[in-house]
């Protein structure tokens, strides 16, 4: 499985497969550039696919793995649902995910902060708030309502 949505992903894929000249010929024929527009790549996928299919089909999985990793291509081997579920780090990002308890009683992996400073501890991942969890706080702090006004809203079932 290969993803090439961003310009960086696209250029890495082109470079790793050595298909730049073929893509350039197609771009010239169509009078466009695929480099910065994933929409165009999608529109012309029927013309692009044979280029990639030939290049990928000519290499072994080990060769592709090395090439893709060298160019920072976003990829992973295809797995069945059963295979993916059996892998503990099924997303390959164990350090970026943390299992948290959801208010429903279920636990699930959730992403932490995208950036991390080596000298600071990682901030704990928190579940999304329950619907209405911060209603009173928002009514009080942002709207300046008094406790008795908030209580009346609750009594009238206007907030929960």
C-alpha atoms as a PDB file:
ATOM      1  CA  UNK A   1       0.000   0.000   0.000  1.00  0.00           C
ATOM      2  CA  UNK A   2       1.479   3.339  -1.082  1.00  0.00           C
ATOM      3  CA  UNK A   3       0.227   6.852  -0.395  1.00  0.00           C
ATOM      4  CA  UNK A   4       1.291   9.860  -2.449  1.00  0.00           C
ATOM      5  CA  UNK A   5      -0.985  12.761  -1.583  1.00  0.00           C
ATOM      6  CA  UNK A   6       1.411  15.546  -0.625  1.00  0.00           C
ATOM      7  CA  UNK A   7       4.046  16.951  -2.989  1.00  0.00           C
ATOM      8  CA  UNK A   8       6.748  15.361  -0.788  1.00  0.00           C
ATOM      9  CA  UNK A   9       5.088  11.946  -0.899  1.00  0.00           C
ATOM     10  CA  UNK A  10       4.674  12.254  -4.657  1.00  0.00           C
ATOM     11  CA  UNK A  11       8.292  13.238  -5.319  1.00  0.00           C
ATOM     12  CA  UNK A  12       9.549  10.447  -3.041  1.00  0.00           C
ATOM     13  CA  UNK A  13       7.468   7.876  -4.890  1.00  0.00           C
ATOM     14  CA  UNK A  14       8.593   9.140  -8.319  1.00  0.00           C
ATOM     15  CA  UNK A  15      12.241   9.132  -7.245  1.00  0.00           C
ATOM     16  CA  UNK A  16      12.153   5.732  -5.562  1.00  0.00           C
ATOM     17  CA  UNK A  17      10.606   4.050  -8.600  1.00  0.00           C
ATOM     18  CA  UNK A  18      12.722   5.896 -11.159  1.00  0.00           C
ATOM     19  CA  UNK A  19       9.700   6.910 -13.225  1.00  0.00           C
ATOM     20  CA  UNK A  20      10.280  10.667 -13.425  1.00  0.00           C
ATOM     21  CA  UNK A  21      10.890  10.676 -17.185  1.00  0.00           C
ATOM     22  CA  UNK A  22       7.714   8.696 -17.924  1.00  0.00           C
ATOM     23  CA  UNK A  23       5.629  10.959 -15.680  1.00  0.00           C
ATOM     24  CA  UNK A  24       7.194  14.037 -17.316  1.00  0.00           C
ATOM     25  CA  UNK A  25       6.223  12.725 -20.780  1.00  0.00           C
ATOM     26  CA  UNK A  26       2.637  12.184 -19.601  1.00  0.00           C
ATOM     27  CA  UNK A  27       2.512  15.646 -18.027  1.00  0.00           C
ATOM     28  CA  UNK A  28       3.727  17.205 -21.297  1.00  0.00           C
ATOM     29  CA  UNK A  29       1.144  15.249 -23.282  1.00  0.00           C
ATOM     30  CA  UNK A  30      -1.658  16.389 -20.952  1.00  0.00           C
ATOM     31  CA  UNK A  31      -0.286  19.927 -20.506  1.00  0.00           C
ATOM     32  CA  UNK A  32      -0.262  19.796 -16.705  1.00  0.00           C
ATOM     33  CA  UNK A  33       1.888  19.053 -13.669  1.00  0.00           C
ATOM     34  CA  UNK A  34       1.077  16.338 -11.148  1.00  0.00           C
ATOM     35  CA  UNK A  35       3.680  17.582  -8.646  1.00  0.00           C
ATOM     36  CA  UNK A  36       1.470  19.813  -6.544  1.00  0.00           C
ATOM     37  CA  UNK A  37      -2.043  18.649  -7.321  1.00  0.00           C
ATOM     38  CA  UNK A  38      -3.285  15.327  -5.991  1.00  0.00           C
ATOM     39  CA  UNK A  39      -6.625  16.040  -7.666  1.00  0.00           C
ATOM     40  CA  UNK A  40      -4.979  15.877 -11.083  1.00  0.00           C
ATOM     41  CA  UNK A  41      -3.209  12.662 -10.100  1.00  0.00           C
ATOM     42  CA  UNK A  42      -6.579  11.198  -9.162  1.00  0.00           C
ATOM     43  CA  UNK A  43      -8.255  12.431 -12.347  1.00  0.00           C
ATOM     44  CA  UNK A  44      -5.554  10.843 -14.495  1.00  0.00           C
ATOM     45  CA  UNK A  45      -5.005   7.721 -12.384  1.00  0.00           C
ATOM     46  CA  UNK A  46      -5.899   5.480 -15.339  1.00  0.00           C
ATOM     47  CA  UNK A  47      -2.925   6.938 -17.233  1.00  0.00           C
ATOM     48  CA  UNK A  48      -0.585   6.958 -14.225  1.00  0.00           C
ATOM     49  CA  UNK A  49      -1.360   3.476 -12.964  1.00  0.00           C
ATOM     50  CA  UNK A  50       0.449   1.580 -15.782  1.00  0.00           C
ATOM     51  CA  UNK A  51       3.618   3.588 -15.094  1.00  0.00           C
ATOM     52  CA  UNK A  52       3.589   2.618 -11.423  1.00  0.00           C
ATOM     53  CA  UNK A  53       2.351  -0.909 -12.037  1.00  0.00           C
ATOM     54  CA  UNK A  54       5.285  -1.635 -14.360  1.00  0.00           C
ATOM     55  CA  UNK A  55       7.869  -0.150 -11.983  1.00  0.00           C
ATOM     56  CA  UNK A  56       6.485  -1.903  -8.914  1.00  0.00           C
ATOM     57  CA  UNK A  57       6.046  -5.192 -10.765  1.00  0.00           C
ATOM     58  CA  UNK A  58       9.705  -5.131 -11.830  1.00  0.00           C
ATOM     59  CA  UNK A  59      10.992  -5.017  -8.224  1.00  0.00           C
ATOM     60  CA  UNK A  60      10.881  -7.383  -5.287  1.00  0.00           C
ATOM     61  CA  UNK A  61       9.117  -6.466  -2.070  1.00  0.00           C
ATOM     62  CA  UNK A  62      12.515  -6.225  -0.346  1.00  0.00           C
ATOM     63  CA  UNK A  63      13.826  -3.877  -3.045  1.00  0.00           C
ATOM     64  CA  UNK A  64      10.730  -1.696  -2.843  1.00  0.00           C
ATOM     65  CA  UNK A  65      10.939  -1.612   0.945  1.00  0.00           C
ATOM     66  CA  UNK A  66      14.503  -0.304   0.811  1.00  0.00           C
ATOM     67  CA  UNK A  67      13.745   2.204  -1.973  1.00  0.00           C
ATOM     68  CA  UNK A  68      10.610   3.514  -0.283  1.00  0.00           C
ATOM     69  CA  UNK A  69      12.318   3.846   3.092  1.00  0.00           C
ATOM     70  CA  UNK A  70      15.277   5.638   1.515  1.00  0.00           C
ATOM     71  CA  UNK A  71      12.944   8.217  -0.074  1.00  0.00           C
ATOM     72  CA  UNK A  72      10.581   8.449   2.941  1.00  0.00           C
ATOM     73  CA  UNK A  73       7.663   7.137   0.892  1.00  0.00           C
ATOM     74  CA  UNK A  74       4.519   6.549   2.920  1.00  0.00           C
ATOM     75  CA  UNK A  75       3.916   2.835   2.509  1.00  0.00           C
ATOM     76  CA  UNK A  76       3.214  -0.416   4.313  1.00  0.00           C
ATOM     77  CA  UNK A  77       2.839  -4.009   3.233  1.00  0.00           C
ATOM     78  CA  UNK A  78      -0.731  -4.995   2.479  1.00  0.00           C
ATOM     79  CA  UNK A  79      -2.297  -7.063   5.236  1.00  0.00           C
ATOM     80  CA  UNK A  80      -5.603  -8.798   5.589  1.00  0.00           C
ATOM     81  CA  UNK A  81      -7.858  -7.653   8.429  1.00  0.00           C
ATOM     82  CA  UNK A  82      -6.876 -10.756  10.389  1.00  0.00           C
ATOM     83  CA  UNK A  83      -3.158 -10.058   9.896  1.00  0.00           C
ATOM     84  CA  UNK A  84      -3.491  -6.388  10.814  1.00  0.00           C
ATOM     85  CA  UNK A  85      -5.492  -7.174  13.948  1.00  0.00           C
ATOM     86  CA  UNK A  86      -2.835  -9.665  15.102  1.00  0.00           C
ATOM     87  CA  UNK A  87      -0.078  -7.038  15.019  1.00  0.00           C
ATOM     88  CA  UNK A  88       0.203  -5.143  18.296  1.00  0.00           C
ATOM     89  CA  UNK A  89       1.649  -2.034  16.658  1.00  0.00           C
ATOM     90  CA  UNK A  90      -0.693  -2.273  13.683  1.00  0.00           C
ATOM     91  CA  UNK A  91      -0.146   1.329  12.652  1.00  0.00           C
ATOM     92  CA  UNK A  92       3.641   1.332  13.058  1.00  0.00           C
ATOM     93  CA  UNK A  93       3.458   4.347  15.337  1.00  0.00           C
ATOM     94  CA  UNK A  94       3.492   2.847  18.818  1.00  0.00           C
ATOM     95  CA  UNK A  95       5.381   5.803  20.276  1.00  0.00           C
ATOM     96  CA  UNK A  96       2.786   8.251  18.983  1.00  0.00           C
ATOM     97  CA  UNK A  97      -0.298   6.353  20.182  1.00  0.00           C
ATOM     98  CA  UNK A  98      -1.589   5.737  23.659  1.00  0.00           C
ATOM     99  CA  UNK A  99      -4.468   3.527  24.744  1.00  0.00           C
ATOM    100  CA  UNK A 100      -7.066   5.579  26.597  1.00  0.00           C
ATOM    101  CA  UNK A 101     -10.337   4.772  28.302  1.00  0.00           C
ATOM    102  CA  UNK A 102     -13.374   6.198  26.535  1.00  0.00           C
ATOM    103  CA  UNK A 103     -16.453   7.285  28.532  1.00  0.00           C
ATOM    104  CA  UNK A 104     -18.315   4.427  26.816  1.00  0.00           C
ATOM    105  CA  UNK A 105     -16.219   1.993  28.831  1.00  0.00           C
ATOM    106  CA  UNK A 106     -14.173   0.876  25.821  1.00  0.00           C
ATOM    107  CA  UNK A 107     -10.461   1.539  25.367  1.00  0.00           C
ATOM    108  CA  UNK A 108      -8.898   2.563  22.084  1.00  0.00           C
ATOM    109  CA  UNK A 109      -5.600   3.901  20.699  1.00  0.00           C
ATOM    110  CA  UNK A 110      -5.494   7.669  20.299  1.00  0.00           C
ATOM    111  CA  UNK A 111      -2.762   9.928  18.906  1.00  0.00           C
ATOM    112  CA  UNK A 112      -0.775  12.235  21.130  1.00  0.00           C
ATOM    113  CA  UNK A 113       0.689  15.599  20.263  1.00  0.00           C
ATOM    114  CA  UNK A 114       2.245  15.718  16.799  1.00  0.00           C
ATOM    115  CA  UNK A 115       5.336  17.523  18.089  1.00  0.00           C
ATOM    116  CA  UNK A 116       7.497  16.376  20.945  1.00  0.00           C
ATOM    117  CA  UNK A 117      10.465  17.950  22.709  1.00  0.00           C
ATOM    118  CA  UNK A 118      13.116  15.491  23.872  1.00  0.00           C
ATOM    119  CA  UNK A 119      13.746  17.455  27.082  1.00  0.00           C
ATOM    120  CA  UNK A 120      10.084  17.546  28.133  1.00  0.00           C
ATOM    121  CA  UNK A 121       7.852  14.675  29.202  1.00  0.00           C
ATOM    122  CA  UNK A 122       5.169  13.637  26.732  1.00  0.00           C
ATOM    123  CA  UNK A 123       1.763  15.095  27.570  1.00  0.00           C
ATOM    124  CA  UNK A 124      -0.803  12.413  28.368  1.00  0.00           C
ATOM    125  CA  UNK A 125      -3.427  11.738  25.723  1.00  0.00           C
ATOM    126  CA  UNK A 126      -6.931  12.574  26.914  1.00  0.00           C
ATOM    127  CA  UNK A 127     -10.225  11.298  25.553  1.00  0.00           C
ATOM    128  CA  UNK A 128     -12.512  13.707  23.762  1.00  0.00           C
ATOM    129  CA  UNK A 129     -14.966  15.311  26.176  1.00  0.00           C
ATOM    130  CA  UNK A 130     -18.448  13.895  26.511  1.00  0.00           C
ATOM    131  CA  UNK A 131     -21.190  15.953  24.938  1.00  0.00           C
ATOM    132  CA  UNK A 132     -22.072  18.648  27.473  1.00  0.00           C
ATOM    133  CA  UNK A 133     -19.136  17.872  29.758  1.00  0.00           C
ATOM    134  CA  UNK A 134     -17.980  21.509  29.833  1.00  0.00           C
ATOM    135  CA  UNK A 135     -21.340  23.240  29.438  1.00  0.00           C
ATOM    136  CA  UNK A 136     -21.404  24.844  32.889  1.00  0.00           C
ATOM    137  CA  UNK A 137     -17.778  25.946  32.627  1.00  0.00           C
ATOM    138  CA  UNK A 138     -18.387  27.584  29.232  1.00  0.00           C
ATOM    139  CA  UNK A 139     -21.610  29.266  30.322  1.00  0.00           C
ATOM    140  CA  UNK A 140     -19.827  30.646  33.355  1.00  0.00           C
ATOM    141  CA  UNK A 141     -16.400  31.600  32.017  1.00  0.00           C
ATOM    142  CA  UNK A 142     -17.182  32.628  28.444  1.00  0.00           C
ATOM    143  CA  UNK A 143     -20.715  33.933  28.763  1.00  0.00           C
ATOM    144  CA  UNK A 144     -20.414  35.204  32.329  1.00  0.00           C
ATOM    145  CA  UNK A 145     -23.605  33.526  33.572  1.00  0.00           C
ATOM    146  CA  UNK A 146     -24.059  33.169  37.328  1.00  0.00           C
ATOM    147  CA  UNK A 147     -24.535  29.752  38.938  1.00  0.00           C
ATOM    148  CA  UNK A 148     -28.232  30.422  39.568  1.00  0.00           C
ATOM    149  CA  UNK A 149     -28.777  31.362  35.888  1.00  0.00           C
ATOM    150  CA  UNK A 150     -27.067  28.148  34.780  1.00  0.00           C
ATOM    151  CA  UNK A 151     -29.193  26.168  37.237  1.00  0.00           C
ATOM    152  CA  UNK A 152     -32.358  27.656  35.729  1.00  0.00           C
ATOM    153  CA  UNK A 153     -31.208  26.605  32.251  1.00  0.00           C
ATOM    154  CA  UNK A 154     -30.715  23.060  33.554  1.00  0.00           C
ATOM    155  CA  UNK A 155     -34.106  23.093  35.281  1.00  0.00           C
ATOM    156  CA  UNK A 156     -35.759  24.088  32.001  1.00  0.00           C
ATOM    157  CA  UNK A 157     -33.806  21.332  30.152  1.00  0.00           C
ATOM    158  CA  UNK A 158     -32.246  23.939  27.856  1.00  0.00           C
ATOM    159  CA  UNK A 159     -28.720  22.676  28.636  1.00  0.00           C
ATOM    160  CA  UNK A 160     -27.382  19.395  29.920  1.00  0.00           C
END
